[in-house]
Amino acid sequence: MANSTLIGKVKSSYDGKNIFATFTKKSVNSKTGDIPQVNILVDREKPTDAIQTGADYSICGDCPLRPINHKDTPIEDKPCYVNCGFGPNAIYKTKDKLEKTDAKVWPIIRHGAYGDPFAVGKKVNDQIKAKAKKVLAYTHAWANKKAKYLASFCMASVHNLDEKSKANKLGFRTFRTVKFAASKLADDEIVCPNFTKSIQCKTCGLCGGNQTPSVKNIVIPIH
């Protein structure tokens, strides 16, 4: 993908294995809008293979939505929504030809379009944060003590009110999935504006962790 560049190659914060982060300037994602996306990939297997063998642990950790986890202990109707057969696989095919990311600063970017930001470590995350005035990101690693710094720009991905409460106490704003649109919300939660008003992430910008500390936690029906 000529649209993609290399941010860096690092050892995974999850298991120390080789992974790499890429920056894709254009997106056709109808929910986010056309904003740059950061993808995190394992270095030794193409994404569609990695999710089958479990090698995706290096980039996704213990996320309960990983297909290999979800088939045994499903928490939602479907596992992770990312279709690795498209963007991630296409990026992987060009991994040895990717040029270094330039220094341009963008208004807003989506970090972790595939992969959890925790995987790449603080140094690379600081590089990614420097590439945009606002970063939209989510992490399932919020309970890890070493991930505390992610609260500055990541939403904690949670799946029930108990997890929400724990993540809030750790300093994270939360992004909670619910089964039904009419599910009861906590007083400090609002439904994702994309679901209620079809506002794209590019315009909304609420899922930026504590970059927007006065904003409520976000809830979205499973999608």
N, C-alpha and C. Protein backbone atom coordinates (compact mmCIF):
# COMPACT_ATOMS: atom_id res chain seq x y z
N MET A 1 0.84 -1.19 0.00
CA MET A 1 0.00 0.00 0.00
C MET A 1 0.88 1.25 0.00
N ALA A 2 0.89 1.99 -1.12
CA ALA A 2 1.68 3.21 -1.21
C ALA A 2 1.19 4.25 -0.22
N ASN A 3 -0.02 4.07 0.25
CA ASN A 3 -0.65 4.95 1.21
C ASN A 3 -0.06 4.80 2.61
N SER A 4 0.73 3.75 2.86
CA SER A 4 1.23 3.43 4.20
C SER A 4 2.73 3.63 4.33
N THR A 5 3.15 4.02 5.54
CA THR A 5 4.56 4.20 5.86
C THR A 5 4.86 3.51 7.18
N LEU A 6 6.15 3.38 7.48
CA LEU A 6 6.58 2.69 8.70
C LEU A 6 6.84 3.69 9.83
N ILE A 7 6.21 3.45 10.98
CA ILE A 7 6.50 4.25 12.17
C ILE A 7 7.69 3.68 12.90
N GLY A 8 7.69 2.37 13.11
CA GLY A 8 8.81 1.76 13.79
C GLY A 8 8.65 0.27 14.00
N LYS A 9 9.79 -0.42 14.18
CA LYS A 9 9.81 -1.83 14.52
C LYS A 9 10.27 -1.96 15.96
N VAL A 10 9.52 -2.70 16.77
CA VAL A 10 9.82 -2.79 18.20
C VAL A 10 9.55 -4.19 18.72
N LYS A 11 9.90 -4.40 19.97
CA LYS A 11 9.55 -5.63 20.67
C LYS A 11 8.21 -5.42 21.37
N SER A 12 7.33 -6.37 21.27
CA SER A 12 6.01 -6.24 21.86
C SER A 12 6.07 -6.10 23.38
N SER A 13 5.28 -5.18 23.91
CA SER A 13 5.17 -5.03 25.36
C SER A 13 4.45 -6.22 25.99
N TYR A 14 3.78 -7.02 25.17
CA TYR A 14 3.08 -8.19 25.68
C TYR A 14 3.99 -9.40 25.84
N ASP A 15 4.80 -9.69 24.83
CA ASP A 15 5.60 -10.92 24.90
C ASP A 15 7.02 -10.77 24.38
N GLY A 16 7.43 -9.55 24.04
CA GLY A 16 8.81 -9.32 23.61
C GLY A 16 9.13 -9.75 22.19
N LYS A 17 8.14 -10.17 21.44
CA LYS A 17 8.38 -10.61 20.06
C LYS A 17 8.32 -9.42 19.10
N ASN A 18 8.84 -9.61 17.89
CA ASN A 18 8.95 -8.52 16.93
C ASN A 18 7.59 -8.12 16.36
N ILE A 19 7.32 -6.82 16.41
CA ILE A 19 6.11 -6.26 15.82
C ILE A 19 6.48 -4.95 15.14
N PHE A 20 5.57 -4.39 14.36
CA PHE A 20 5.85 -3.09 13.75
C PHE A 20 4.57 -2.28 13.64
N ALA A 21 4.73 -0.96 13.66
CA ALA A 21 3.59 -0.04 13.58
C ALA A 21 3.67 0.73 12.27
N THR A 22 2.52 0.89 11.61
CA THR A 22 2.48 1.60 10.34
C THR A 22 1.46 2.73 10.38
N PHE A 23 1.65 3.67 9.49
CA PHE A 23 0.79 4.84 9.41
C PHE A 23 0.17 4.88 8.01
N THR A 24 -1.15 4.85 7.93
CA THR A 24 -1.85 4.88 6.66
C THR A 24 -2.61 6.20 6.53
N LYS A 25 -2.28 6.98 5.53
CA LYS A 25 -2.78 8.35 5.43
C LYS A 25 -4.25 8.46 5.07
N LYS A 26 -4.75 7.53 4.26
CA LYS A 26 -6.13 7.61 3.79
C LYS A 26 -6.94 6.45 4.36
N SER A 27 -8.23 6.69 4.58
CA SER A 27 -9.10 5.64 5.09
C SER A 27 -10.48 5.74 4.43
N VAL A 28 -11.09 4.58 4.19
CA VAL A 28 -12.45 4.55 3.65
C VAL A 28 -13.42 4.07 4.73
N ASN A 29 -12.99 4.09 5.97
CA ASN A 29 -13.83 3.68 7.09
C ASN A 29 -14.98 4.67 7.26
N SER A 30 -16.20 4.20 7.07
CA SER A 30 -17.35 5.10 7.11
C SER A 30 -17.65 5.62 8.51
N LYS A 31 -17.22 4.90 9.54
CA LYS A 31 -17.46 5.35 10.91
C LYS A 31 -16.48 6.45 11.31
N THR A 32 -15.19 6.24 11.03
CA THR A 32 -14.19 7.22 11.44
C THR A 32 -14.14 8.42 10.51
N GLY A 33 -14.47 8.19 9.23
CA GLY A 33 -14.23 9.21 8.23
C GLY A 33 -12.81 9.07 7.70
N ASP A 34 -12.44 9.90 6.77
CA ASP A 34 -11.13 9.81 6.13
C ASP A 34 -10.06 10.45 7.01
N ILE A 35 -9.57 9.68 7.99
CA ILE A 35 -8.49 10.14 8.85
C ILE A 35 -7.37 9.10 8.83
N PRO A 36 -6.13 9.51 9.06
CA PRO A 36 -5.03 8.56 9.08
C PRO A 36 -5.22 7.50 10.17
N GLN A 37 -4.71 6.31 9.91
CA GLN A 37 -4.88 5.18 10.82
C GLN A 37 -3.52 4.54 11.13
N VAL A 38 -3.33 4.17 12.38
CA VAL A 38 -2.15 3.42 12.79
C VAL A 38 -2.53 1.95 12.96
N ASN A 39 -1.79 1.07 12.29
CA ASN A 39 -1.98 -0.38 12.44
C ASN A 39 -0.74 -0.98 13.07
N ILE A 40 -0.94 -1.99 13.90
CA ILE A 40 0.16 -2.69 14.56
C ILE A 40 0.09 -4.16 14.13
N LEU A 41 1.20 -4.67 13.60
CA LEU A 41 1.20 -6.02 13.03
C LEU A 41 2.36 -6.85 13.58
N VAL A 42 2.16 -8.16 13.65
CA VAL A 42 3.26 -9.05 14.02
C VAL A 42 4.21 -9.15 12.83
N ASP A 43 5.47 -9.36 13.12
CA ASP A 43 6.48 -9.31 12.06
C ASP A 43 6.66 -10.64 11.33
N ARG A 44 6.18 -11.73 11.92
CA ARG A 44 6.53 -13.05 11.37
C ARG A 44 5.39 -13.76 10.65
N GLU A 45 4.16 -13.26 10.78
CA GLU A 45 3.03 -13.91 10.12
C GLU A 45 2.06 -12.87 9.58
N LYS A 46 1.48 -13.13 8.43
CA LYS A 46 0.48 -12.20 7.93
C LYS A 46 -0.72 -12.22 8.87
N PRO A 47 -1.43 -11.12 9.00
CA PRO A 47 -2.49 -10.99 9.99
C PRO A 47 -3.54 -12.09 10.00
N THR A 48 -3.98 -12.52 8.82
CA THR A 48 -5.01 -13.56 8.80
C THR A 48 -4.49 -14.90 9.34
N ASP A 49 -3.20 -15.15 9.21
CA ASP A 49 -2.61 -16.36 9.79
C ASP A 49 -2.41 -16.18 11.29
N ALA A 50 -1.97 -15.00 11.69
CA ALA A 50 -1.68 -14.74 13.10
C ALA A 50 -2.90 -14.90 13.99
N ILE A 51 -4.09 -14.53 13.49
CA ILE A 51 -5.28 -14.67 14.32
C ILE A 51 -5.69 -16.13 14.46
N GLN A 52 -5.23 -16.98 13.55
CA GLN A 52 -5.54 -18.41 13.62
C GLN A 52 -4.56 -19.14 14.54
N THR A 53 -3.29 -18.75 14.51
CA THR A 53 -2.27 -19.44 15.30
C THR A 53 -2.15 -18.89 16.71
N GLY A 54 -2.69 -17.69 16.93
CA GLY A 54 -2.55 -17.06 18.24
C GLY A 54 -1.36 -16.12 18.32
N ALA A 55 -0.64 -15.97 17.21
CA ALA A 55 0.51 -15.05 17.20
C ALA A 55 0.07 -13.60 17.38
N ASP A 56 -1.23 -13.33 17.17
CA ASP A 56 -1.74 -11.97 17.36
C ASP A 56 -1.69 -11.53 18.83
N TYR A 57 -1.34 -12.45 19.73
CA TYR A 57 -1.16 -12.08 21.14
C TYR A 57 -0.13 -10.96 21.27
N SER A 58 0.87 -10.98 20.39
CA SER A 58 1.94 -9.97 20.45
C SER A 58 1.42 -8.55 20.26
N ILE A 59 0.30 -8.40 19.55
CA ILE A 59 -0.22 -7.06 19.30
C ILE A 59 -1.55 -6.78 19.99
N CYS A 60 -2.24 -7.85 20.42
CA CYS A 60 -3.56 -7.66 21.03
C CYS A 60 -3.65 -8.16 22.47
N GLY A 61 -2.62 -8.84 22.95
CA GLY A 61 -2.61 -9.28 24.34
C GLY A 61 -3.78 -10.18 24.68
N ASP A 62 -4.37 -9.92 25.85
CA ASP A 62 -5.47 -10.76 26.33
C ASP A 62 -6.84 -10.24 25.95
N CYS A 63 -6.92 -9.43 24.92
CA CYS A 63 -8.21 -8.90 24.48
C CYS A 63 -9.23 -10.03 24.34
N PRO A 64 -10.37 -9.93 25.00
CA PRO A 64 -11.36 -11.02 24.92
C PRO A 64 -12.03 -11.14 23.56
N LEU A 65 -11.82 -10.15 22.69
CA LEU A 65 -12.42 -10.20 21.36
C LEU A 65 -11.50 -10.83 20.32
N ARG A 66 -10.26 -11.19 20.72
CA ARG A 66 -9.42 -11.93 19.79
C ARG A 66 -10.15 -13.21 19.39
N PRO A 67 -10.21 -13.54 18.11
CA PRO A 67 -10.96 -14.73 17.68
C PRO A 67 -10.59 -16.00 18.43
N ILE A 68 -9.31 -16.17 18.75
CA ILE A 68 -8.88 -17.39 19.42
C ILE A 68 -9.39 -17.46 20.85
N ASN A 69 -9.61 -16.30 21.47
CA ASN A 69 -10.20 -16.26 22.82
C ASN A 69 -11.71 -16.35 22.76
N HIS A 70 -12.27 -15.64 21.80
CA HIS A 70 -13.72 -15.48 21.72
C HIS A 70 -14.45 -16.79 21.46
N LYS A 71 -13.83 -17.70 20.72
CA LYS A 71 -14.53 -18.95 20.39
C LYS A 71 -14.74 -19.82 21.63
N ASP A 72 -13.89 -19.64 22.66
CA ASP A 72 -14.03 -20.43 23.89
C ASP A 72 -14.85 -19.72 24.95
N THR A 73 -14.69 -18.40 25.05
CA THR A 73 -15.42 -17.63 26.06
C THR A 73 -15.99 -16.37 25.42
N PRO A 74 -17.00 -16.52 24.58
CA PRO A 74 -17.57 -15.36 23.89
C PRO A 74 -18.22 -14.37 24.85
N ILE A 75 -17.92 -13.09 24.68
CA ILE A 75 -18.54 -12.06 25.51
C ILE A 75 -19.50 -11.21 24.68
N GLU A 76 -19.43 -11.36 23.36
CA GLU A 76 -20.32 -10.67 22.45
C GLU A 76 -20.73 -11.66 21.35
N ASP A 77 -21.66 -11.26 20.51
CA ASP A 77 -22.13 -12.17 19.46
C ASP A 77 -21.03 -12.52 18.47
N LYS A 78 -20.13 -11.57 18.24
CA LYS A 78 -19.06 -11.77 17.27
C LYS A 78 -17.72 -11.35 17.87
N PRO A 79 -16.61 -11.91 17.38
CA PRO A 79 -15.29 -11.48 17.84
C PRO A 79 -14.91 -10.14 17.20
N CYS A 80 -13.67 -9.78 17.29
CA CYS A 80 -13.14 -8.51 16.77
C CYS A 80 -13.64 -8.22 15.36
N TYR A 81 -14.05 -6.96 15.15
CA TYR A 81 -14.64 -6.55 13.88
C TYR A 81 -13.61 -6.30 12.78
N VAL A 82 -12.33 -6.22 13.10
CA VAL A 82 -11.33 -5.89 12.09
C VAL A 82 -11.22 -7.03 11.07
N ASN A 83 -11.36 -6.69 9.80
CA ASN A 83 -11.21 -7.68 8.73
C ASN A 83 -9.76 -7.65 8.26
N CYS A 84 -8.97 -8.58 8.77
CA CYS A 84 -7.54 -8.59 8.47
C CYS A 84 -7.24 -8.95 7.02
N GLY A 85 -8.23 -9.50 6.32
CA GLY A 85 -8.00 -9.88 4.93
C GLY A 85 -7.84 -8.69 4.00
N PHE A 86 -8.19 -7.51 4.47
CA PHE A 86 -8.08 -6.31 3.63
C PHE A 86 -6.87 -5.47 4.04
N GLY A 87 -7.09 -4.37 4.75
CA GLY A 87 -6.00 -3.45 5.07
C GLY A 87 -4.78 -4.07 5.73
N PRO A 88 -4.93 -4.77 6.87
CA PRO A 88 -3.76 -5.35 7.53
C PRO A 88 -2.94 -6.29 6.66
N ASN A 89 -3.61 -7.20 5.92
CA ASN A 89 -2.87 -8.10 5.04
C ASN A 89 -2.14 -7.34 3.93
N ALA A 90 -2.80 -6.33 3.38
CA ALA A 90 -2.19 -5.54 2.30
C ALA A 90 -0.95 -4.81 2.80
N ILE A 91 -1.02 -4.27 4.00
CA ILE A 91 0.14 -3.59 4.58
C ILE A 91 1.27 -4.59 4.82
N TYR A 92 0.92 -5.77 5.35
CA TYR A 92 1.93 -6.78 5.66
C TYR A 92 2.72 -7.19 4.41
N LYS A 93 2.04 -7.28 3.29
CA LYS A 93 2.70 -7.69 2.05
C LYS A 93 3.80 -6.72 1.64
N THR A 94 3.68 -5.45 2.05
CA THR A 94 4.66 -4.44 1.66
C THR A 94 5.60 -4.07 2.80
N LYS A 95 5.63 -4.85 3.88
CA LYS A 95 6.34 -4.45 5.09
C LYS A 95 7.84 -4.21 4.88
N ASP A 96 8.43 -4.90 3.93
CA ASP A 96 9.87 -4.73 3.70
C ASP A 96 10.17 -3.56 2.75
N LYS A 97 9.13 -2.93 2.24
CA LYS A 97 9.31 -1.82 1.30
C LYS A 97 8.79 -0.50 1.85
N LEU A 98 8.26 -0.52 3.07
CA LEU A 98 7.66 0.68 3.65
C LEU A 98 8.71 1.74 3.94
N GLU A 99 8.45 2.96 3.50
CA GLU A 99 9.34 4.07 3.80
C GLU A 99 9.00 4.61 5.19
N LYS A 100 9.95 5.36 5.76
CA LYS A 100 9.74 5.94 7.09
C LYS A 100 8.67 7.02 7.04
N THR A 101 7.87 7.09 8.09
CA THR A 101 6.83 8.10 8.20
C THR A 101 7.44 9.50 8.27
N ASP A 102 6.83 10.45 7.56
CA ASP A 102 7.35 11.82 7.59
C ASP A 102 6.93 12.53 8.87
N ALA A 103 7.35 13.78 9.00
CA ALA A 103 7.13 14.51 10.25
C ALA A 103 5.86 15.35 10.27
N LYS A 104 5.03 15.22 9.27
CA LYS A 104 3.81 16.02 9.21
C LYS A 104 2.93 15.78 10.43
N VAL A 105 2.33 16.85 10.94
CA VAL A 105 1.39 16.75 12.05
C VAL A 105 -0.04 16.87 11.52
N TRP A 106 -0.87 15.91 11.85
CA TRP A 106 -2.24 15.85 11.35
C TRP A 106 -3.22 16.36 12.40
N PRO A 107 -4.39 16.83 12.00
CA PRO A 107 -5.38 17.30 12.98
C PRO A 107 -5.85 16.19 13.93
N ILE A 108 -6.05 14.98 13.35
CA ILE A 108 -6.56 13.87 14.16
C ILE A 108 -6.17 12.55 13.49
N ILE A 109 -5.83 11.54 14.30
CA ILE A 109 -5.51 10.21 13.77
C ILE A 109 -6.17 9.14 14.64
N ARG A 110 -6.34 7.97 14.07
CA ARG A 110 -6.88 6.82 14.79
C ARG A 110 -5.75 5.84 15.03
N HIS A 111 -5.37 5.67 16.30
CA HIS A 111 -4.29 4.76 16.67
C HIS A 111 -4.89 3.42 17.08
N GLY A 112 -4.30 2.34 16.56
CA GLY A 112 -4.83 1.02 16.88
C GLY A 112 -6.03 0.64 16.06
N ALA A 113 -6.06 1.08 14.79
CA ALA A 113 -7.11 0.59 13.90
C ALA A 113 -7.08 -0.93 13.90
N TYR A 114 -5.87 -1.48 14.03
CA TYR A 114 -5.68 -2.90 14.32
C TYR A 114 -4.52 -3.00 15.30
N GLY A 115 -4.71 -3.77 16.37
CA GLY A 115 -3.69 -3.88 17.39
C GLY A 115 -3.95 -2.92 18.55
N ASP A 116 -3.42 -3.26 19.72
CA ASP A 116 -3.61 -2.44 20.92
C ASP A 116 -2.42 -1.52 21.11
N PRO A 117 -2.65 -0.22 21.33
CA PRO A 117 -1.53 0.72 21.51
C PRO A 117 -0.51 0.29 22.56
N PHE A 118 -0.94 -0.44 23.59
CA PHE A 118 0.00 -0.88 24.62
C PHE A 118 1.14 -1.70 24.03
N ALA A 119 0.88 -2.43 22.97
CA ALA A 119 1.87 -3.35 22.39
C ALA A 119 3.16 -2.66 21.98
N VAL A 120 3.07 -1.42 21.47
CA VAL A 120 4.26 -0.78 20.89
C VAL A 120 5.13 -0.05 21.90
N GLY A 121 4.67 0.10 23.13
CA GLY A 121 5.49 0.74 24.16
C GLY A 121 5.44 2.26 24.13
N LYS A 122 5.92 2.86 25.20
CA LYS A 122 5.78 4.31 25.39
C LYS A 122 6.55 5.13 24.37
N LYS A 123 7.75 4.70 24.01
CA LYS A 123 8.55 5.48 23.06
C LYS A 123 7.84 5.65 21.73
N VAL A 124 7.33 4.56 21.18
CA VAL A 124 6.63 4.64 19.90
C VAL A 124 5.29 5.37 20.07
N ASN A 125 4.63 5.14 21.19
CA ASN A 125 3.38 5.85 21.42
C ASN A 125 3.60 7.37 21.50
N ASP A 126 4.71 7.79 22.06
CA ASP A 126 5.02 9.22 22.09
C ASP A 126 5.25 9.76 20.67
N GLN A 127 5.88 8.95 19.82
CA GLN A 127 6.07 9.35 18.42
C GLN A 127 4.72 9.50 17.71
N ILE A 128 3.82 8.57 17.99
CA ILE A 128 2.50 8.60 17.37
C ILE A 128 1.70 9.80 17.87
N LYS A 129 1.76 10.07 19.17
CA LYS A 129 1.05 11.23 19.72
C LYS A 129 1.56 12.53 19.12
N ALA A 130 2.86 12.58 18.80
CA ALA A 130 3.45 13.79 18.23
C ALA A 130 3.01 14.02 16.79
N LYS A 131 2.39 13.01 16.18
CA LYS A 131 1.97 13.12 14.78
C LYS A 131 0.60 13.76 14.62
N ALA A 132 -0.07 14.07 15.72
CA ALA A 132 -1.43 14.60 15.60
C ALA A 132 -1.77 15.55 16.75
N LYS A 133 -2.67 16.46 16.46
CA LYS A 133 -3.18 17.35 17.51
C LYS A 133 -4.10 16.57 18.44
N LYS A 134 -4.76 15.53 17.91
CA LYS A 134 -5.57 14.65 18.75
C LYS A 134 -5.45 13.22 18.24
N VAL A 135 -5.32 12.28 19.18
CA VAL A 135 -5.24 10.86 18.86
C VAL A 135 -6.47 10.16 19.43
N LEU A 136 -7.14 9.36 18.60
CA LEU A 136 -8.25 8.54 19.04
C LEU A 136 -7.75 7.11 19.21
N ALA A 137 -7.97 6.51 20.38
CA ALA A 137 -7.40 5.18 20.62
C ALA A 137 -8.16 4.46 21.73
N TYR A 138 -8.02 3.14 21.73
CA TYR A 138 -8.69 2.28 22.70
C TYR A 138 -7.71 1.20 23.15
N THR A 139 -7.81 0.78 24.42
CA THR A 139 -6.93 -0.28 24.90
C THR A 139 -7.68 -1.24 25.83
N HIS A 140 -7.39 -2.52 25.67
CA HIS A 140 -7.89 -3.53 26.62
C HIS A 140 -6.86 -3.79 27.71
N ALA A 141 -5.74 -3.10 27.67
CA ALA A 141 -4.66 -3.32 28.64
C ALA A 141 -4.76 -2.37 29.84
N TRP A 142 -5.88 -1.69 30.00
CA TRP A 142 -6.02 -0.64 31.01
C TRP A 142 -5.74 -1.10 32.44
N ALA A 143 -5.93 -2.39 32.75
CA ALA A 143 -5.71 -2.88 34.11
C ALA A 143 -4.23 -3.16 34.39
N ASN A 144 -3.40 -3.17 33.35
CA ASN A 144 -1.96 -3.41 33.52
C ASN A 144 -1.29 -2.15 34.08
N LYS A 145 -0.58 -2.28 35.17
CA LYS A 145 0.05 -1.13 35.81
C LYS A 145 0.98 -0.38 34.86
N LYS A 146 1.62 -1.12 33.94
CA LYS A 146 2.54 -0.49 32.99
C LYS A 146 1.81 0.30 31.91
N ALA A 147 0.49 0.15 31.85
CA ALA A 147 -0.29 0.83 30.81
C ALA A 147 -0.93 2.11 31.31
N LYS A 148 -0.64 2.50 32.52
CA LYS A 148 -1.31 3.66 33.11
C LYS A 148 -1.16 4.92 32.27
N TYR A 149 0.00 5.09 31.63
CA TYR A 149 0.26 6.30 30.83
C TYR A 149 -0.68 6.41 29.63
N LEU A 150 -1.28 5.28 29.22
CA LEU A 150 -2.17 5.30 28.06
C LEU A 150 -3.44 6.11 28.31
N ALA A 151 -3.78 6.33 29.57
CA ALA A 151 -5.01 7.07 29.88
C ALA A 151 -4.98 8.48 29.30
N SER A 152 -3.79 8.98 29.03
CA SER A 152 -3.68 10.34 28.49
C SER A 152 -4.29 10.48 27.10
N PHE A 153 -4.39 9.36 26.36
CA PHE A 153 -4.95 9.44 25.01
C PHE A 153 -5.81 8.25 24.61
N CYS A 154 -5.86 7.21 25.44
CA CYS A 154 -6.64 6.01 25.12
C CYS A 154 -7.89 5.90 25.97
N MET A 155 -8.95 5.42 25.35
CA MET A 155 -10.13 5.00 26.08
C MET A 155 -9.90 3.57 26.57
N ALA A 156 -10.39 3.24 27.75
CA ALA A 156 -10.34 1.86 28.22
C ALA A 156 -11.51 1.10 27.61
N SER A 157 -11.23 0.05 26.86
CA SER A 157 -12.30 -0.77 26.28
C SER A 157 -12.85 -1.69 27.37
N VAL A 158 -14.12 -1.51 27.71
CA VAL A 158 -14.74 -2.32 28.76
C VAL A 158 -16.06 -2.91 28.25
N HIS A 159 -16.54 -3.92 28.98
CA HIS A 159 -17.72 -4.64 28.49
C HIS A 159 -18.82 -4.78 29.53
N ASN A 160 -18.64 -4.18 30.69
CA ASN A 160 -19.70 -4.16 31.70
C ASN A 160 -19.41 -3.02 32.68
N LEU A 161 -20.37 -2.75 33.56
CA LEU A 161 -20.25 -1.62 34.47
C LEU A 161 -19.18 -1.83 35.53
N ASP A 162 -18.92 -3.08 35.90
CA ASP A 162 -17.87 -3.36 36.87
C ASP A 162 -16.50 -2.98 36.29
N GLU A 163 -16.25 -3.39 35.04
CA GLU A 163 -14.99 -3.02 34.39
C GLU A 163 -14.90 -1.50 34.23
N LYS A 164 -16.01 -0.88 33.88
CA LYS A 164 -16.03 0.58 33.73
C LYS A 164 -15.60 1.27 35.02
N SER A 165 -16.17 0.83 36.13
CA SER A 165 -15.84 1.42 37.43
C SER A 165 -14.36 1.25 37.76
N LYS A 166 -13.83 0.07 37.52
CA LYS A 166 -12.42 -0.20 37.81
C LYS A 166 -11.51 0.67 36.93
N ALA A 167 -11.85 0.79 35.65
CA ALA A 167 -11.02 1.58 34.74
C ALA A 167 -11.09 3.07 35.10
N ASN A 168 -12.26 3.55 35.44
CA ASN A 168 -12.40 4.95 35.86
C ASN A 168 -11.53 5.24 37.08
N LYS A 169 -11.51 4.32 38.03
CA LYS A 169 -10.70 4.51 39.24
C LYS A 169 -9.21 4.52 38.93
N LEU A 170 -8.84 3.89 37.83
CA LEU A 170 -7.43 3.89 37.41
C LEU A 170 -7.09 5.12 36.56
N GLY A 171 -8.06 5.99 36.36
CA GLY A 171 -7.81 7.24 35.64
C GLY A 171 -8.20 7.24 34.18
N PHE A 172 -8.82 6.16 33.70
CA PHE A 172 -9.21 6.06 32.29
C PHE A 172 -10.66 6.52 32.09
N ARG A 173 -10.91 7.20 30.99
CA ARG A 173 -12.26 7.30 30.48
C ARG A 173 -12.55 5.98 29.76
N THR A 174 -13.82 5.62 29.65
CA THR A 174 -14.13 4.29 29.13
C THR A 174 -15.00 4.31 27.88
N PHE A 175 -14.87 3.24 27.11
CA PHE A 175 -15.67 2.98 25.91
C PHE A 175 -16.29 1.61 26.14
N ARG A 176 -17.57 1.60 26.48
CA ARG A 176 -18.25 0.36 26.89
C ARG A 176 -19.20 -0.13 25.82
N THR A 177 -19.11 -1.41 25.50
CA THR A 177 -20.05 -2.00 24.54
C THR A 177 -21.23 -2.59 25.30
N VAL A 178 -22.41 -2.41 24.72
CA VAL A 178 -23.64 -2.97 25.30
C VAL A 178 -24.38 -3.74 24.21
N LYS A 179 -25.22 -4.66 24.62
CA LYS A 179 -25.91 -5.51 23.64
C LYS A 179 -27.06 -4.79 22.95
N PHE A 180 -27.75 -3.91 23.71
CA PHE A 180 -28.92 -3.26 23.15
C PHE A 180 -28.80 -1.74 23.24
N ALA A 181 -29.33 -1.06 22.25
CA ALA A 181 -29.27 0.40 22.22
C ALA A 181 -30.00 1.03 23.40
N ALA A 182 -30.98 0.30 23.94
CA ALA A 182 -31.78 0.84 25.05
C ALA A 182 -31.20 0.47 26.41
N SER A 183 -29.99 -0.07 26.45
CA SER A 183 -29.38 -0.46 27.71
C SER A 183 -29.23 0.75 28.64
N LYS A 184 -29.39 0.51 29.93
CA LYS A 184 -29.30 1.58 30.91
C LYS A 184 -27.87 2.10 30.99
N LEU A 185 -27.72 3.41 31.03
CA LEU A 185 -26.41 4.03 31.13
C LEU A 185 -26.16 4.53 32.55
N ALA A 186 -24.89 4.60 32.91
CA ALA A 186 -24.52 5.26 34.16
C ALA A 186 -24.67 6.76 33.96
N ASP A 187 -24.71 7.50 35.05
CA ASP A 187 -24.90 8.95 34.96
C ASP A 187 -23.78 9.65 34.19
N ASP A 188 -22.61 9.04 34.19
CA ASP A 188 -21.46 9.68 33.53
C ASP A 188 -21.17 9.06 32.17
N GLU A 189 -22.18 8.50 31.51
CA GLU A 189 -22.01 7.90 30.20
C GLU A 189 -22.96 8.54 29.18
N ILE A 190 -22.52 8.56 27.93
CA ILE A 190 -23.37 8.96 26.82
C ILE A 190 -23.19 7.94 25.69
N VAL A 191 -24.18 7.85 24.81
CA VAL A 191 -24.08 6.94 23.68
C VAL A 191 -23.24 7.59 22.58
N CYS A 192 -22.42 6.81 21.93
CA CYS A 192 -21.54 7.27 20.84
C CYS A 192 -22.34 8.10 19.83
N PRO A 193 -21.89 9.33 19.55
CA PRO A 193 -22.60 10.19 18.58
C PRO A 193 -22.68 9.61 17.17
N ASN A 194 -21.78 8.68 16.85
CA ASN A 194 -21.89 8.05 15.54
C ASN A 194 -23.15 7.19 15.47
N PHE A 195 -23.49 6.55 16.58
CA PHE A 195 -24.68 5.70 16.62
C PHE A 195 -25.96 6.54 16.67
N THR A 196 -25.93 7.62 17.43
CA THR A 196 -27.16 8.41 17.61
C THR A 196 -27.39 9.44 16.52
N LYS A 197 -26.29 9.99 15.96
CA LYS A 197 -26.44 11.09 15.01
C LYS A 197 -25.64 10.91 13.73
N SER A 198 -25.00 9.74 13.58
CA SER A 198 -24.17 9.44 12.40
C SER A 198 -23.00 10.42 12.25
N ILE A 199 -22.53 10.97 13.36
CA ILE A 199 -21.36 11.87 13.33
C ILE A 199 -20.10 11.02 13.26
N GLN A 200 -19.25 11.27 12.30
CA GLN A 200 -18.01 10.50 12.15
C GLN A 200 -17.00 10.88 13.23
N CYS A 201 -16.13 9.93 13.55
CA CYS A 201 -15.07 10.16 14.55
C CYS A 201 -14.22 11.38 14.17
N LYS A 202 -14.02 11.57 12.89
CA LYS A 202 -13.23 12.69 12.39
C LYS A 202 -13.77 14.03 12.91
N THR A 203 -15.08 14.12 13.03
CA THR A 203 -15.73 15.34 13.50
C THR A 203 -15.94 15.32 15.01
N CYS A 204 -16.25 14.15 15.55
CA CYS A 204 -16.59 14.02 16.96
C CYS A 204 -15.37 14.19 17.88
N GLY A 205 -14.42 13.28 17.78
CA GLY A 205 -13.18 13.38 18.55
C GLY A 205 -13.30 13.10 20.03
N LEU A 206 -14.39 12.50 20.49
CA LEU A 206 -14.57 12.29 21.93
C LEU A 206 -13.74 11.13 22.49
N CYS A 207 -13.35 10.18 21.64
CA CYS A 207 -12.63 9.00 22.13
C CYS A 207 -11.12 9.23 22.16
N GLY A 208 -10.73 10.27 22.87
CA GLY A 208 -9.31 10.62 22.97
C GLY A 208 -8.77 10.53 24.37
N GLY A 209 -9.33 9.62 25.18
CA GLY A 209 -8.85 9.49 26.55
C GLY A 209 -8.95 10.82 27.29
N ASN A 210 -7.93 11.14 28.07
CA ASN A 210 -7.95 12.35 28.87
C ASN A 210 -7.47 13.60 28.12
N GLN A 211 -7.36 13.49 26.79
CA GLN A 211 -7.18 14.70 26.00
C GLN A 211 -8.43 15.56 26.10
N THR A 212 -9.56 14.91 26.40
CA THR A 212 -10.83 15.61 26.61
C THR A 212 -11.40 15.16 27.96
N PRO A 213 -10.78 15.57 29.08
CA PRO A 213 -11.11 15.03 30.40
C PRO A 213 -12.50 15.36 30.92
N SER A 214 -13.11 16.43 30.45
CA SER A 214 -14.42 16.81 30.98
C SER A 214 -15.57 16.10 30.30
N VAL A 215 -15.28 15.30 29.27
CA VAL A 215 -16.32 14.61 28.51
C VAL A 215 -16.67 13.29 29.20
N LYS A 216 -17.91 12.89 29.10
CA LYS A 216 -18.36 11.66 29.74
C LYS A 216 -17.77 10.42 29.06
N ASN A 217 -17.96 9.29 29.71
CA ASN A 217 -17.57 8.01 29.13
C ASN A 217 -18.53 7.66 28.00
N ILE A 218 -18.06 6.83 27.08
CA ILE A 218 -18.82 6.53 25.86
C ILE A 218 -19.35 5.11 25.89
N VAL A 219 -20.56 4.94 25.41
CA VAL A 219 -21.20 3.62 25.30
C VAL A 219 -21.64 3.43 23.86
N ILE A 220 -21.49 2.21 23.35
CA ILE A 220 -21.96 1.93 21.99
C ILE A 220 -22.55 0.53 21.93
N PRO A 221 -23.67 0.35 21.25
CA PRO A 221 -24.18 -1.00 21.01
C PRO A 221 -23.17 -1.81 20.20
N ILE A 222 -23.10 -3.09 20.48
CA ILE A 222 -22.15 -3.97 19.80
C ILE A 222 -22.28 -3.81 18.29
N HIS A 223 -21.13 -3.65 17.62
CA HIS A 223 -21.14 -3.41 16.19
C HIS A 223 -20.07 -4.24 15.50
